[in-house]
PDB file of N, CA and C in Angstrom:
ATOM      1  N   MET A   1       0.849  -1.177   0.000  1.00  0.00           N
ATOM      2  CA  MET A   1       0.000   0.000   0.000  1.00  0.00           C
ATOM      3  C   MET A   1       0.899   1.246   0.000  1.00  0.00           C
ATOM      4  N   PRO A   2       0.628   2.235  -0.830  1.00  0.00           N
ATOM      5  CA  PRO A   2       1.439   3.454  -0.861  1.00  0.00           C
ATOM      6  C   PRO A   2       1.350   4.211   0.463  1.00  0.00           C
ATOM      7  N   GLU A   3       2.385   4.944   0.742  1.00  0.00           N
ATOM      8  CA  GLU A   3       2.439   5.747   1.969  1.00  0.00           C
ATOM      9  C   GLU A   3       2.745   7.193   1.629  1.00  0.00           C
ATOM     10  N   LEU A   4       2.358   8.079   2.528  1.00  0.00           N
ATOM     11  CA  LEU A   4       2.678   9.493   2.403  1.00  0.00           C
ATOM     12  C   LEU A   4       3.132   9.977   3.770  1.00  0.00           C
ATOM     13  N   LYS A   5       4.334  10.500   3.843  1.00  0.00           N
ATOM     14  CA  LYS A   5       4.908  10.955   5.102  1.00  0.00           C
ATOM     15  C   LYS A   5       4.772  12.465   5.208  1.00  0.00           C
ATOM     16  N   PHE A   6       4.326  12.972   6.373  1.00  0.00           N
ATOM     17  CA  PHE A   6       4.223  14.406   6.628  1.00  0.00           C
ATOM     18  C   PHE A   6       5.291  14.810   7.629  1.00  0.00           C
ATOM     19  N   TYR A   7       5.982  15.910   7.368  1.00  0.00           N
ATOM     20  CA  TYR A   7       6.960  16.478   8.288  1.00  0.00           C
ATOM     21  C   TYR A   7       6.393  17.784   8.835  1.00  0.00           C
ATOM     22  N   TYR A   8       6.430  17.941  10.144  1.00  0.00           N
ATOM     23  CA  TYR A   8       5.918  19.147  10.785  1.00  0.00           C
ATOM     24  C   TYR A   8       7.101  20.020  11.166  1.00  0.00           C
ATOM     25  N   ILE A   9       7.200  21.181  10.531  1.00  0.00           N
ATOM     26  CA  ILE A   9       8.292  22.113  10.771  1.00  0.00           C
ATOM     27  C   ILE A   9       7.668  23.443  11.164  1.00  0.00           C
ATOM     28  N   LYS A  10       8.093  23.993  12.295  1.00  0.00           N
ATOM     29  CA  LYS A  10       7.559  25.270  12.759  1.00  0.00           C
ATOM     30  C   LYS A  10       8.196  26.413  11.984  1.00  0.00           C
ATOM     31  N   SER A  11       7.344  27.308  11.479  1.00  0.00           N
ATOM     32  CA  SER A  11       7.843  28.471  10.751  1.00  0.00           C
ATOM     33  C   SER A  11       8.445  29.469  11.742  1.00  0.00           C
ATOM     34  N   PRO A  12       9.267  30.392  11.254  1.00  0.00           N
ATOM     35  CA  PRO A  12       9.808  31.435  12.150  1.00  0.00           C
ATOM     36  C   PRO A  12       8.705  32.282  12.790  1.00  0.00           C
ATOM     37  N   GLN A  13       7.527  32.351  12.173  1.00  0.00           N
ATOM     38  CA  GLN A  13       6.420  33.119  12.726  1.00  0.00           C
ATOM     39  C   GLN A  13       5.551  32.307  13.687  1.00  0.00           C
ATOM     40  N   HIS A  14       5.938  31.076  13.976  1.00  0.00           N
ATOM     41  CA  HIS A  14       5.135  30.207  14.839  1.00  0.00           C
ATOM     42  C   HIS A  14       4.927  30.855  16.203  1.00  0.00           C
ATOM     43  N   LEU A  15       3.676  30.886  16.641  1.00  0.00           N
ATOM     44  CA  LEU A  15       3.319  31.430  17.943  1.00  0.00           C
ATOM     45  C   LEU A  15       2.488  30.413  18.700  1.00  0.00           C
ATOM     46  N   GLU A  16       2.571  30.461  20.010  1.00  0.00           N
ATOM     47  CA  GLU A  16       1.636  29.734  20.850  1.00  0.00           C
ATOM     48  C   GLU A  16       0.721  30.776  21.449  1.00  0.00           C
ATOM     49  N   VAL A  17      -0.583  30.591  21.288  1.00  0.00           N
ATOM     50  CA  VAL A  17      -1.558  31.582  21.704  1.00  0.00           C
ATOM     51  C   VAL A  17      -2.521  30.965  22.698  1.00  0.00           C
ATOM     52  N   LYS A  18      -2.685  31.606  23.843  1.00  0.00           N
ATOM     53  CA  LYS A  18      -3.702  31.204  24.813  1.00  0.00           C
ATOM     54  C   LYS A  18      -5.052  31.588  24.226  1.00  0.00           C
ATOM     55  N   VAL A  19      -6.008  30.680  24.240  1.00  0.00           N
ATOM     56  CA  VAL A  19      -7.323  30.937  23.665  1.00  0.00           C
ATOM     57  C   VAL A  19      -8.355  31.013  24.780  1.00  0.00           C
ATOM     58  N   ASP A  20      -8.986  32.179  24.899  1.00  0.00           N
ATOM     59  CA  ASP A  20     -10.095  32.343  25.837  1.00  0.00           C
ATOM     60  C   ASP A  20     -11.438  32.251  25.132  1.00  0.00           C
ATOM     61  N   GLY A  21     -11.429  32.421  23.816  1.00  0.00           N
ATOM     62  CA  GLY A  21     -12.674  32.347  23.071  1.00  0.00           C
ATOM     63  C   GLY A  21     -12.449  32.607  21.604  1.00  0.00           C
ATOM     64  N   ALA A  22     -13.553  32.548  20.867  1.00  0.00           N
ATOM     65  CA  ALA A  22     -13.500  32.774  19.427  1.00  0.00           C
ATOM     66  C   ALA A  22     -14.791  33.427  18.983  1.00  0.00           C
ATOM     67  N   LEU A  23     -14.704  34.139  17.877  1.00  0.00           N
ATOM     68  CA  LEU A  23     -15.891  34.690  17.246  1.00  0.00           C
ATOM     69  C   LEU A  23     -15.686  34.637  15.749  1.00  0.00           C
ATOM     70  N   GLY A  24     -16.763  34.707  15.020  1.00  0.00           N
ATOM     71  CA  GLY A  24     -16.669  34.642  13.569  1.00  0.00           C
ATOM     72  C   GLY A  24     -17.922  34.035  12.990  1.00  0.00           C
ATOM     73  N   GLY A  25     -17.775  33.407  11.849  1.00  0.00           N
ATOM     74  CA  GLY A  25     -18.916  32.787  11.189  1.00  0.00           C
ATOM     75  C   GLY A  25     -18.592  32.460   9.748  1.00  0.00           C
ATOM     76  N   PRO A  26     -19.635  32.171   8.964  1.00  0.00           N
ATOM     77  CA  PRO A  26     -19.414  31.835   7.563  1.00  0.00           C
ATOM     78  C   PRO A  26     -18.763  32.991   6.805  1.00  0.00           C
ATOM     79  N   THR A  27     -17.960  32.656   5.808  1.00  0.00           N
ATOM     80  CA  THR A  27     -17.358  33.669   4.948  1.00  0.00           C
ATOM     81  C   THR A  27     -18.446  34.321   4.098  1.00  0.00           C
ATOM     82  N   PRO A  28     -18.180  35.493   3.551  1.00  0.00           N
ATOM     83  CA  PRO A  28     -19.184  36.149   2.706  1.00  0.00           C
ATOM     84  C   PRO A  28     -19.639  35.285   1.522  1.00  0.00           C
ATOM     85  N   THR A  29     -18.741  34.440   1.009  1.00  0.00           N
ATOM     86  CA  THR A  29     -19.117  33.569  -0.104  1.00  0.00           C
ATOM     87  C   THR A  29     -19.854  32.317   0.359  1.00  0.00           C
ATOM     88  N   GLY A  30     -19.855  32.060   1.660  1.00  0.00           N
ATOM     89  CA  GLY A  30     -20.580  30.922   2.213  1.00  0.00           C
ATOM     90  C   GLY A  30     -19.891  29.590   2.049  1.00  0.00           C
ATOM     91  N   ASP A  31     -18.638  29.571   1.590  1.00  0.00           N
ATOM     92  CA  ASP A  31     -17.963  28.291   1.363  1.00  0.00           C
ATOM     93  C   ASP A  31     -16.920  27.965   2.426  1.00  0.00           C
ATOM     94  N   GLY A  32     -16.907  28.720   3.488  1.00  0.00           N
ATOM     95  CA  GLY A  32     -15.933  28.473   4.549  1.00  0.00           C
ATOM     96  C   GLY A  32     -16.309  29.219   5.807  1.00  0.00           C
ATOM     97  N   ILE A  33     -15.405  29.194   6.763  1.00  0.00           N
ATOM     98  CA  ILE A  33     -15.616  29.810   8.073  1.00  0.00           C
ATOM     99  C   ILE A  33     -14.401  30.660   8.417  1.00  0.00           C
ATOM    100  N   VAL A  34     -14.659  31.828   8.990  1.00  0.00           N
ATOM    101  CA  VAL A  34     -13.594  32.651   9.557  1.00  0.00           C
ATOM    102  C   VAL A  34     -13.785  32.629  11.061  1.00  0.00           C
ATOM    103  N   MET A  35     -12.719  32.279  11.780  1.00  0.00           N
ATOM    104  CA  MET A  35     -12.766  32.205  13.230  1.00  0.00           C
ATOM    105  C   MET A  35     -11.633  33.056  13.785  1.00  0.00           C
ATOM    106  N   SER A  36     -11.989  34.093  14.538  1.00  0.00           N
ATOM    107  CA  SER A  36     -10.991  34.951  15.168  1.00  0.00           C
ATOM    108  C   SER A  36     -10.818  34.518  16.615  1.00  0.00           C
ATOM    109  N   ILE A  37      -9.569  34.262  16.990  1.00  0.00           N
ATOM    110  CA  ILE A  37      -9.222  33.772  18.318  1.00  0.00           C
ATOM    111  C   ILE A  37      -8.823  34.958  19.186  1.00  0.00           C
ATOM    112  N   TYR A  38      -9.363  35.002  20.412  1.00  0.00           N
ATOM    113  CA  TYR A  38      -8.988  36.099  21.300  1.00  0.00           C
ATOM    114  C   TYR A  38      -8.582  35.608  22.681  1.00  0.00           C
ATOM    115  N   THR A  39      -7.808  36.450  23.353  1.00  0.00           N
ATOM    116  CA  THR A  39      -7.479  36.263  24.763  1.00  0.00           C
ATOM    117  C   THR A  39      -8.143  37.395  25.542  1.00  0.00           C
ATOM    118  N   GLU A  40      -8.437  37.131  26.799  1.00  0.00           N
ATOM    119  CA  GLU A  40      -9.078  38.139  27.644  1.00  0.00           C
ATOM    120  C   GLU A  40      -8.169  38.524  28.803  1.00  0.00           C
ATOM    121  N   ARG A  41      -8.295  39.784  29.207  1.00  0.00           N
ATOM    122  CA  ARG A  41      -7.595  40.278  30.390  1.00  0.00           C
ATOM    123  C   ARG A  41      -8.353  41.483  30.899  1.00  0.00           C
ATOM    124  N   ASN A  42      -8.115  41.816  32.149  1.00  0.00           N
ATOM    125  CA  ASN A  42      -8.687  43.042  32.683  1.00  0.00           C
ATOM    126  C   ASN A  42      -7.991  44.225  32.034  1.00  0.00           C
ATOM    127  N   ALA A  43      -8.729  45.300  31.873  1.00  0.00           N
ATOM    128  CA  ALA A  43      -8.146  46.515  31.300  1.00  0.00           C
ATOM    129  C   ALA A  43      -7.063  47.041  32.239  1.00  0.00           C
ATOM    130  N   ILE A  44      -5.992  47.548  31.655  1.00  0.00           N
ATOM    131  CA  ILE A  44      -4.925  48.144  32.452  1.00  0.00           C
ATOM    132  C   ILE A  44      -4.952  49.655  32.217  1.00  0.00           C
ATOM    133  N   PRO A  45      -4.466  50.425  33.185  1.00  0.00           N
ATOM    134  CA  PRO A  45      -4.508  51.880  33.004  1.00  0.00           C
ATOM    135  C   PRO A  45      -3.634  52.329  31.849  1.00  0.00           C
ATOM    136  N   GLN A  46      -4.068  53.386  31.193  1.00  0.00           N
ATOM    137  CA  GLN A  46      -3.246  54.016  30.171  1.00  0.00           C
ATOM    138  C   GLN A  46      -2.366  55.093  30.796  1.00  0.00           C
ATOM    139  N   VAL A  47      -2.864  55.694  31.895  1.00  0.00           N
ATOM    140  CA  VAL A  47      -2.115  56.731  32.609  1.00  0.00           C
ATOM    141  C   VAL A  47      -2.346  56.560  34.103  1.00  0.00           C
ATOM    142  N   GLN A  48      -1.277  56.652  34.886  1.00  0.00           N
ATOM    143  CA  GLN A  48      -1.356  56.700  36.343  1.00  0.00           C
ATOM    144  C   GLN A  48      -0.527  57.887  36.812  1.00  0.00           C
ATOM    145  N   VAL A  49      -0.992  58.542  37.872  1.00  0.00           N
ATOM    146  CA  VAL A  49      -0.270  59.667  38.452  1.00  0.00           C
ATOM    147  C   VAL A  49       0.016  59.340  39.910  1.00  0.00           C
ATOM    148  N   PHE A  50       1.264  59.589  40.338  1.00  0.00           N
ATOM    149  CA  PHE A  50       1.684  59.310  41.707  1.00  0.00           C
ATOM    150  C   PHE A  50       2.256  60.574  42.346  1.00  0.00           C
ATOM    151  N   ASN A  51       2.083  60.678  43.640  1.00  0.00           N
ATOM    152  CA  ASN A  51       2.764  61.720  44.408  1.00  0.00           C
ATOM    153  C   ASN A  51       4.237  61.366  44.502  1.00  0.00           C
ATOM    154  N   ILE A  52       5.053  62.376  44.675  1.00  0.00           N
ATOM    155  CA  ILE A  52       6.466  62.181  44.967  1.00  0.00           C
ATOM    156  C   ILE A  52       6.677  62.591  46.419  1.00  0.00           C
ATOM    157  N   THR A  53       7.305  61.703  47.193  1.00  0.00           N
ATOM    158  CA  THR A  53       7.535  61.999  48.609  1.00  0.00           C
ATOM    159  C   THR A  53       8.598  63.081  48.766  1.00  0.00           C
ATOM    160  N   ASP A  54       8.714  63.606  49.987  1.00  0.00           N
ATOM    161  CA  ASP A  54       9.729  64.621  50.284  1.00  0.00           C
ATOM    162  C   ASP A  54      11.135  64.087  50.041  1.00  0.00           C
ATOM    163  N   GLU A  55      11.293  62.755  50.124  1.00  0.00           N
ATOM    164  CA  GLU A  55      12.599  62.142  49.886  1.00  0.00           C
ATOM    165  C   GLU A  55      12.856  61.901  48.399  1.00  0.00           C
ATOM    166  N   GLY A  56      11.873  62.237  47.548  1.00  0.00           N
ATOM    167  CA  GLY A  56      12.034  62.047  46.109  1.00  0.00           C
ATOM    168  C   GLY A  56      11.638  60.660  45.628  1.00  0.00           C
ATOM    169  N   ALA A  57      11.006  59.882  46.494  1.00  0.00           N
ATOM    170  CA  ALA A  57      10.580  58.526  46.125  1.00  0.00           C
ATOM    171  C   ALA A  57       9.144  58.558  45.594  1.00  0.00           C
ATOM    172  N   LEU A  58       8.762  57.472  44.942  1.00  0.00           N
ATOM    173  CA  LEU A  58       7.406  57.330  44.432  1.00  0.00           C
ATOM    174  C   LEU A  58       6.458  57.126  45.602  1.00  0.00           C
ATOM    175  N   GLY A  59       5.430  57.958  45.670  1.00  0.00           N
ATOM    176  CA  GLY A  59       4.465  57.865  46.760  1.00  0.00           C
ATOM    177  C   GLY A  59       3.189  57.185  46.329  1.00  0.00           C
ATOM    178  N   GLU A  60       2.074  57.610  46.919  1.00  0.00           N
ATOM    179  CA  GLU A  60       0.762  57.024  46.658  1.00  0.00           C
ATOM    180  C   GLU A  60       0.244  57.425  45.278  1.00  0.00           C
ATOM    181  N   GLU A  61      -0.505  56.510  44.666  1.00  0.00           N
ATOM    182  CA  GLU A  61      -1.170  56.832  43.408  1.00  0.00           C
ATOM    183  C   GLU A  61      -2.317  57.802  43.688  1.00  0.00           C
ATOM    184  N   LEU A  62      -2.572  58.685  42.756  1.00  0.00           N
ATOM    185  CA  LEU A  62      -3.740  59.559  42.801  1.00  0.00           C
ATOM    186  C   LEU A  62      -4.820  58.913  41.929  1.00  0.00           C
ATOM    187  N   PRO A  63      -5.673  58.047  42.529  1.00  0.00           N
ATOM    188  CA  PRO A  63      -6.614  57.253  41.733  1.00  0.00           C
ATOM    189  C   PRO A  63      -7.558  58.094  40.881  1.00  0.00           C
ATOM    190  N   GLU A  64      -7.889  59.301  41.333  1.00  0.00           N
ATOM    191  CA  GLU A  64      -8.795  60.149  40.552  1.00  0.00           C
ATOM    192  C   GLU A  64      -8.154  60.621  39.250  1.00  0.00           C
ATOM    193  N   SER A  65      -6.835  60.480  39.136  1.00  0.00           N
ATOM    194  CA  SER A  65      -6.125  60.891  37.921  1.00  0.00           C
ATOM    195  C   SER A  65      -5.897  59.730  36.949  1.00  0.00           C
ATOM    196  N   ARG A  66      -6.299  58.534  37.353  1.00  0.00           N
ATOM    197  CA  ARG A  66      -6.096  57.366  36.494  1.00  0.00           C
ATOM    198  C   ARG A  66      -6.939  57.489  35.230  1.00  0.00           C
ATOM    199  N   GLU A  67      -6.343  57.169  34.104  1.00  0.00           N
ATOM    200  CA  GLU A  67      -7.050  57.180  32.826  1.00  0.00           C
ATOM    201  C   GLU A  67      -6.965  55.798  32.199  1.00  0.00           C
ATOM    202  N   GLY A  68      -8.036  55.387  31.552  1.00  0.00           N
ATOM    203  CA  GLY A  68      -8.021  54.109  30.853  1.00  0.00           C
ATOM    204  C   GLY A  68      -9.401  53.520  30.727  1.00  0.00           C
ATOM    205  N   LYS A  69      -9.445  52.365  30.118  1.00  0.00           N
ATOM    206  CA  LYS A  69     -10.697  51.660  29.910  1.00  0.00           C
ATOM    207  C   LYS A  69     -11.122  50.961  31.198  1.00  0.00           C
ATOM    208  N   VAL A  70     -12.415  50.739  31.333  1.00  0.00           N
ATOM    209  CA  VAL A  70     -12.964  49.982  32.444  1.00  0.00           C
ATOM    210  C   VAL A  70     -13.626  48.754  31.843  1.00  0.00           C
ATOM    211  N   GLY A  71     -13.295  47.577  32.347  1.00  0.00           N
ATOM    212  CA  GLY A  71     -13.910  46.361  31.840  1.00  0.00           C
ATOM    213  C   GLY A  71     -12.868  45.337  31.431  1.00  0.00           C
ATOM    214  N   VAL A  72     -13.272  44.468  30.532  1.00  0.00           N
ATOM    215  CA  VAL A  72     -12.432  43.376  30.061  1.00  0.00           C
ATOM    216  C   VAL A  72     -12.009  43.672  28.620  1.00  0.00           C
ATOM    217  N   VAL A  73     -10.744  43.440  28.330  1.00  0.00           N
ATOM    218  CA  VAL A  73     -10.207  43.635  26.984  1.00  0.00           C
ATOM    219  C   VAL A  73     -10.119  42.271  26.311  1.00  0.00           C
ATOM    220  N   ARG A  74     -10.666  42.166  25.131  1.00  0.00           N
ATOM    221  CA  ARG A  74     -10.507  40.967  24.306  1.00  0.00           C
ATOM    222  C   ARG A  74      -9.535  41.319  23.190  1.00  0.00           C
ATOM    223  N   SER A  75      -8.383  40.713  23.250  1.00  0.00           N
ATOM    224  CA  SER A  75      -7.335  40.986  22.274  1.00  0.00           C
ATOM    225  C   SER A  75      -7.373  39.895  21.208  1.00  0.00           C
ATOM    226  N   VAL A  76      -7.757  40.276  19.991  1.00  0.00           N
ATOM    227  CA  VAL A  76      -7.852  39.312  18.894  1.00  0.00           C
ATOM    228  C   VAL A  76      -6.432  38.968  18.449  1.00  0.00           C
ATOM    229  N   GLN A  77      -6.057  37.703  18.601  1.00  0.00           N
ATOM    230  CA  GLN A  77      -4.697  37.247  18.326  1.00  0.00           C
ATOM    231  C   GLN A  77      -4.473  36.888  16.869  1.00  0.00           C
ATOM    232  N   THR A  78      -5.461  36.226  16.280  1.00  0.00           N
ATOM    233  CA  THR A  78      -5.325  35.777  14.896  1.00  0.00           C
ATOM    234  C   THR A  78      -6.704  35.413  14.358  1.00  0.00           C
ATOM    235  N   SER A  79      -6.809  35.381  13.056  1.00  0.00           N
ATOM    236  CA  SER A  79      -8.044  34.933  12.412  1.00  0.00           C
ATOM    237  C   SER A  79      -7.714  33.745  11.517  1.00  0.00           C
ATOM    238  N   LEU A  80      -8.508  32.706  11.641  1.00  0.00           N
ATOM    239  CA  LEU A  80      -8.313  31.481  10.879  1.00  0.00           C
ATOM    240  C   LEU A  80      -9.366  31.407   9.786  1.00  0.00           C
ATOM    241  N   HIS A  81      -8.938  31.183   8.567  1.00  0.00           N
ATOM    242  CA  HIS A  81      -9.856  31.033   7.438  1.00  0.00           C
ATOM    243  C   HIS A  81      -9.869  29.550   7.067  1.00  0.00           C
ATOM    244  N   LEU A  82     -11.004  28.903   7.265  1.00  0.00           N
ATOM    245  CA  LEU A  82     -11.116  27.461   7.074  1.00  0.00           C
ATOM    246  C   LEU A  82     -12.117  27.140   5.972  1.00  0.00           C
ATOM    247  N   SER A  83     -11.748  26.177   5.121  1.00  0.00           N
ATOM    248  CA  SER A  83     -12.743  25.651   4.189  1.00  0.00           C
ATOM    249  C   SER A  83     -13.724  24.817   5.015  1.00  0.00           C
ATOM    250  N   LEU A  84     -14.859  24.521   4.445  1.00  0.00           N
ATOM    251  CA  LEU A  84     -15.834  23.700   5.153  1.00  0.00           C
ATOM    252  C   LEU A  84     -15.224  22.341   5.507  1.00  0.00           C
ATOM    253  N   GLY A  85     -14.464  21.759   4.585  1.00  0.00           N
ATOM    254  CA  GLY A  85     -13.820  20.468   4.854  1.00  0.00           C
ATOM    255  C   GLY A  85     -12.818  20.552   5.996  1.00  0.00           C
ATOM    256  N   GLN A  86     -12.023  21.629   6.017  1.00  0.00           N
ATOM    257  CA  GLN A  86     -11.058  21.801   7.114  1.00  0.00           C
ATOM    258  C   GLN A  86     -11.784  21.979   8.441  1.00  0.00           C
ATOM    259  N   ALA A  87     -12.853  22.768   8.436  1.00  0.00           N
ATOM    260  CA  ALA A  87     -13.614  22.994   9.666  1.00  0.00           C
ATOM    261  C   ALA A  87     -14.196  21.681  10.189  1.00  0.00           C
ATOM    262  N   LYS A  88     -14.725  20.848   9.302  1.00  0.00           N
ATOM    263  CA  LYS A  88     -15.278  19.551   9.720  1.00  0.00           C
ATOM    264  C   LYS A  88     -14.184  18.649  10.281  1.00  0.00           C
ATOM    265  N   SER A  89     -13.021  18.640   9.626  1.00  0.00           N
ATOM    266  CA  SER A  89     -11.909  17.813  10.089  1.00  0.00           C
ATOM    267  C   SER A  89     -11.450  18.249  11.483  1.00  0.00           C
ATOM    268  N   ILE A  90     -11.330  19.564  11.692  1.00  0.00           N
ATOM    269  CA  ILE A  90     -10.914  20.063  13.010  1.00  0.00           C
ATOM    270  C   ILE A  90     -11.999  19.787  14.045  1.00  0.00           C
ATOM    271  N   HIS A  91     -13.267  19.918  13.662  1.00  0.00           N
ATOM    272  CA  HIS A  91     -14.384  19.603  14.550  1.00  0.00           C
ATOM    273  C   HIS A  91     -14.299  18.146  15.012  1.00  0.00           C
ATOM    274  N   ASP A  92     -14.075  17.237  14.068  1.00  0.00           N
ATOM    275  CA  ASP A  92     -13.944  15.818  14.409  1.00  0.00           C
ATOM    276  C   ASP A  92     -12.744  15.587  15.323  1.00  0.00           C
ATOM    277  N   TRP A  93     -11.616  16.216  15.000  1.00  0.00           N
ATOM    278  CA  TRP A  93     -10.397  16.049  15.790  1.00  0.00           C
ATOM    279  C   TRP A  93     -10.608  16.556  17.214  1.00  0.00           C
ATOM    280  N   LEU A  94     -11.235  17.729  17.361  1.00  0.00           N
ATOM    281  CA  LEU A  94     -11.510  18.249  18.700  1.00  0.00           C
ATOM    282  C   LEU A  94     -12.417  17.306  19.483  1.00  0.00           C
ATOM    283  N   GLY A  95     -13.428  16.756  18.810  1.00  0.00           N
ATOM    284  CA  GLY A  95     -14.320  15.799  19.478  1.00  0.00           C
ATOM    285  C   GLY A  95     -13.564  14.596  20.017  1.00  0.00           C
ATOM    286  N   LYS A  96     -12.621  14.075  19.233  1.00  0.00           N
ATOM    287  CA  LYS A  96     -11.820  12.930  19.674  1.00  0.00           C
ATOM    288  C   LYS A  96     -10.933  13.304  20.860  1.00  0.00           C
ATOM    289  N   GLN A  97     -10.374  14.513  20.848  1.00  0.00           N
ATOM    290  CA  GLN A  97      -9.522  14.942  21.960  1.00  0.00           C
ATOM    291  C   GLN A  97     -10.338  15.081  23.245  1.00  0.00           C
ATOM    292  N   ILE A  98     -11.552  15.618  23.118  1.00  0.00           N
ATOM    293  CA  ILE A  98     -12.440  15.761  24.277  1.00  0.00           C
ATOM    294  C   ILE A  98     -12.808  14.390  24.832  1.00  0.00           C
ATOM    295  N   GLU A  99     -13.172  13.467  23.947  1.00  0.00           N
ATOM    296  CA  GLU A  99     -13.516  12.110  24.381  1.00  0.00           C
ATOM    297  C   GLU A  99     -12.348  11.463  25.115  1.00  0.00           C
ATOM    298  N   GLN A 100     -11.134  11.623  24.589  1.00  0.00           N
ATOM    299  CA  GLN A 100      -9.955  11.025  25.211  1.00  0.00           C
ATOM    300  C   GLN A 100      -9.710  11.601  26.608  1.00  0.00           C
ATOM    301  N   ILE A 101      -9.827  12.917  26.737  1.00  0.00           N
ATOM    302  CA  ILE A 101      -9.617  13.543  28.046  1.00  0.00           C
ATOM    303  C   ILE A 101     -10.677  13.081  29.034  1.00  0.00           C
ATOM    304  N   GLU A 102     -11.933  13.051  28.588  1.00  0.00           N
ATOM    305  CA  GLU A 102     -13.015  12.626  29.472  1.00  0.00           C
ATOM    306  C   GLU A 102     -12.901  11.160  29.859  1.00  0.00           C
ATOM    307  N   ALA A 103     -12.230  10.362  29.029  1.00  0.00           N
ATOM    308  CA  ALA A 103     -12.020   8.947  29.332  1.00  0.00           C
ATOM    309  C   ALA A 103     -10.792   8.739  30.218  1.00  0.00           C
ATOM    310  N   GLY A 104     -10.107   9.815  30.553  1.00  0.00           N
ATOM    311  CA  GLY A 104      -8.943   9.704  31.435  1.00  0.00           C
ATOM    312  C   GLY A 104      -7.615   9.746  30.729  1.00  0.00           C
ATOM    313  N   GLY A 105      -7.615   9.854  29.403  1.00  0.00           N
ATOM    314  CA  GLY A 105      -6.359   9.960  28.662  1.00  0.00           C
ATOM    315  C   GLY A 105      -5.885  11.402  28.668  1.00  0.00           C
ATOM    316  N   ASN A 106      -4.623  11.592  28.297  1.00  0.00           N
ATOM    317  CA  ASN A 106      -4.125  12.964  28.314  1.00  0.00           C
ATOM    318  C   ASN A 106      -3.158  13.297  27.191  1.00  0.00           C
ATOM    319  N   ARG A 107      -2.960  12.397  26.226  1.00  0.00           N
ATOM    320  CA  ARG A 107      -1.959  12.698  25.181  1.00  0.00           C
ATOM    321  C   ARG A 107      -2.475  12.315  23.812  1.00  0.00           C
ATOM    322  N   SER A 108      -2.311  13.224  22.888  1.00  0.00           N
ATOM    323  CA  SER A 108      -2.555  12.927  21.483  1.00  0.00           C
ATOM    324  C   SER A 108      -1.858  13.988  20.651  1.00  0.00           C
ATOM    325  N   ASN A 109      -1.315  13.567  19.552  1.00  0.00           N
ATOM    326  CA  ASN A 109      -0.669  14.499  18.657  1.00  0.00           C
ATOM    327  C   ASN A 109      -1.195  14.330  17.238  1.00  0.00           C
ATOM    328  N   ASP A 110      -2.284  13.557  17.097  1.00  0.00           N
ATOM    329  CA  ASP A 110      -2.832  13.335  15.768  1.00  0.00           C
ATOM    330  C   ASP A 110      -3.336  14.641  15.191  1.00  0.00           C
ATOM    331  N   GLY A 111      -3.009  14.897  13.949  1.00  0.00           N
ATOM    332  CA  GLY A 111      -3.433  16.129  13.286  1.00  0.00           C
ATOM    333  C   GLY A 111      -4.897  16.103  12.925  1.00  0.00           C
ATOM    334  N   GLY A 112      -5.491  17.306  12.807  1.00  0.00           N
ATOM    335  CA  GLY A 112      -6.908  17.424  12.455  1.00  0.00           C
ATOM    336  C   GLY A 112      -7.096  17.774  11.018  1.00  0.00           C
TER     337      GLY A 112
END
């Protein structure tokens, strides 16, 4: 029976991204799916103001002078463009990984 060997090589742009969620939907042409992956974090201040002590050290923050967003920031890390076939394959692969974890297993490297 013929064989086909796949080699997995990480590109210089390879990133590992923590995924907190995704959003997206069908492409405008309806033949695929776009899925944007995001991470979440609390908003951080854009500006903080502190008193300077008589000794020249950093003192207390002046909270009324703080500037920035209030709430949760969703930082979109990347967008994945999938054909319907690719989306189904990844869906099946994710289902198998979930089943394995729920059955007490913890390792798989099979591609989707």
